[in-house]
Protein backbone atom coordinates (compact mmCIF):
# COMPACT_ATOMS: atom_id res chain seq x y z
CA MET A 1 57.26 -23.90 16.92
CA LYS A 2 53.44 -24.77 16.27
CA LEU A 3 50.28 -23.69 17.19
CA ILE A 4 47.59 -27.36 17.79
CA ILE A 5 44.50 -25.42 18.46
CA ALA A 6 41.55 -28.58 18.93
CA ILE A 7 38.16 -28.46 19.55
CA VAL A 8 36.95 -31.63 20.99
CA GLN A 9 33.22 -32.76 22.61
CA ASP A 10 33.28 -32.72 26.71
CA ASP A 11 32.80 -35.98 26.95
CA ASP A 12 36.31 -36.50 25.43
CA ALA A 13 38.14 -33.38 26.57
CA ALA A 14 38.88 -34.87 30.25
CA ASP A 15 40.33 -37.77 29.45
CA LEU A 16 42.65 -36.26 26.67
CA ILE A 17 44.15 -34.13 28.72
CA ASP A 18 45.53 -36.03 31.51
CA VAL A 19 47.23 -38.05 28.36
CA LEU A 20 48.44 -34.64 26.65
CA THR A 21 49.94 -33.77 30.48
CA GLU A 22 50.68 -37.40 31.41
CA GLU A 23 53.59 -37.19 28.61
CA GLY A 24 54.90 -33.89 29.52
CA PHE A 25 52.47 -31.03 26.93
CA ARG A 26 50.58 -28.10 28.35
CA VAL A 27 47.51 -27.56 27.81
CA THR A 28 45.09 -24.99 27.96
CA LYS A 29 41.32 -25.52 28.06
CA LEU A 30 38.63 -23.58 26.65
CA ALA A 31 34.47 -24.20 27.16
CA THR A 32 33.39 -22.95 23.65
CA THR A 33 30.06 -23.99 21.99
CA GLY A 34 29.18 -25.59 18.59
CA GLY A 35 27.11 -23.80 16.51
CA PHE A 36 25.61 -27.21 15.14
CA LEU A 37 24.62 -28.72 18.12
CA LYS A 38 24.64 -25.86 20.28
CA SER A 39 25.54 -28.65 23.18
CA GLY A 40 29.45 -27.82 25.27
CA ASN A 41 32.54 -28.49 23.30
CA THR A 42 36.09 -28.25 24.55
CA THR A 43 38.86 -26.20 22.63
CA LEU A 44 42.31 -26.90 23.85
CA MET A 45 45.59 -24.55 22.54
CA ILE A 46 48.92 -27.19 22.83
CA GLY A 47 52.09 -25.50 22.14
CA VAL A 48 55.09 -28.10 20.36
CA GLU A 49 58.00 -28.39 18.80
CA ILE A 50 57.43 -29.39 15.30
CA LYS A 51 59.18 -32.59 16.26
CA ASP A 52 56.09 -33.46 18.35
CA VAL A 53 52.73 -32.42 16.31
CA ASP A 54 52.83 -35.54 15.16
CA ARG A 55 53.05 -36.85 18.09
CA VAL A 56 49.79 -35.05 19.59
CA LEU A 57 48.11 -35.47 16.95
CA ALA A 58 47.66 -39.45 16.84
CA ILE A 59 46.91 -38.97 21.20
CA ILE A 60 44.26 -36.48 20.29
CA GLU A 61 43.49 -39.64 17.77
CA GLU A 62 43.39 -42.26 20.11
CA GLU A 63 41.25 -40.53 23.06
CA CYS A 64 38.62 -38.52 20.93
CA LYS A 65 36.80 -41.38 18.39
CA THR A 66 33.74 -40.59 16.61
CA ARG A 67 30.77 -41.81 17.66
CA ASN A 68 26.84 -42.70 17.09
CA GLN A 69 23.98 -40.49 19.19
CA MET A 70 20.64 -40.08 19.05
CA VAL A 71 19.34 -36.15 19.45
CA THR A 72 16.14 -34.33 18.95
CA SER A 73 15.82 -32.65 15.76
CA PRO A 74 16.25 -29.37 15.81
CA SER A 75 13.65 -27.16 15.81
CA PRO A 76 11.81 -25.45 12.00
CA VAL A 77 12.84 -21.63 11.11
CA ALA A 78 11.70 -19.07 13.08
CA GLY A 79 8.21 -18.11 10.95
CA SER A 80 6.85 -21.00 9.28
CA THR A 81 3.06 -22.49 9.50
CA GLY A 82 1.79 -25.24 11.80
CA VAL A 83 2.76 -28.00 14.39
CA TYR A 84 6.01 -28.64 15.03
CA VAL A 85 6.67 -32.61 15.51
CA PRO A 86 10.25 -33.16 17.74
CA TYR A 87 11.74 -37.02 16.27
CA PRO A 88 14.93 -38.72 17.27
CA VAL A 89 18.16 -38.45 14.82
CA ASP A 90 20.97 -40.32 14.99
CA ILE A 91 23.82 -38.49 14.22
CA GLU A 92 27.64 -38.99 14.22
CA VAL A 93 29.69 -36.92 17.89
CA GLY A 94 32.83 -36.85 18.98
CA GLY A 95 35.92 -36.97 17.02
CA ALA A 96 38.09 -33.40 16.76
CA THR A 97 38.90 -30.91 14.75
CA ILE A 98 42.77 -29.44 14.40
CA PHE A 99 44.47 -26.20 13.39
CA VAL A 100 47.86 -26.47 13.41
CA VAL A 101 49.52 -23.15 13.45
CA ASP A 102 52.32 -21.62 12.97
CA VAL A 103 54.27 -19.41 15.87
CA ASP A 104 56.11 -16.90 15.54
CA LYS A 105 57.48 -15.70 18.05
CA PHE A 106 57.09 -18.06 21.67
CA ILE A 107 57.70 -16.09 25.46
CA LYS A 108 56.60 -17.23 28.90
CA ILE A 109 57.00 -14.83 31.71
């Protein structure tokens, strides 16, 4: 058995969860916050048999496409002098960060 931990953007999470549950996979959703953009993410934990790992990864890849988004530049480091003027920056968001780990024991009570 494997545990797939997928960190996805909040915008992609609802559709991904719907597709995964329609395909018969059980998903646990955790609300998390990303360190770079300080915006909301969703961390999904999906326990699957080894034979289903590639199928789940394909679903995640299909549902979590990357896209460009305009954000305000991050504020400068604390203690800097002068006037800070934020400016828009075009960055790539979306996609997924995925960890696939071995499960030593699975117990359902």
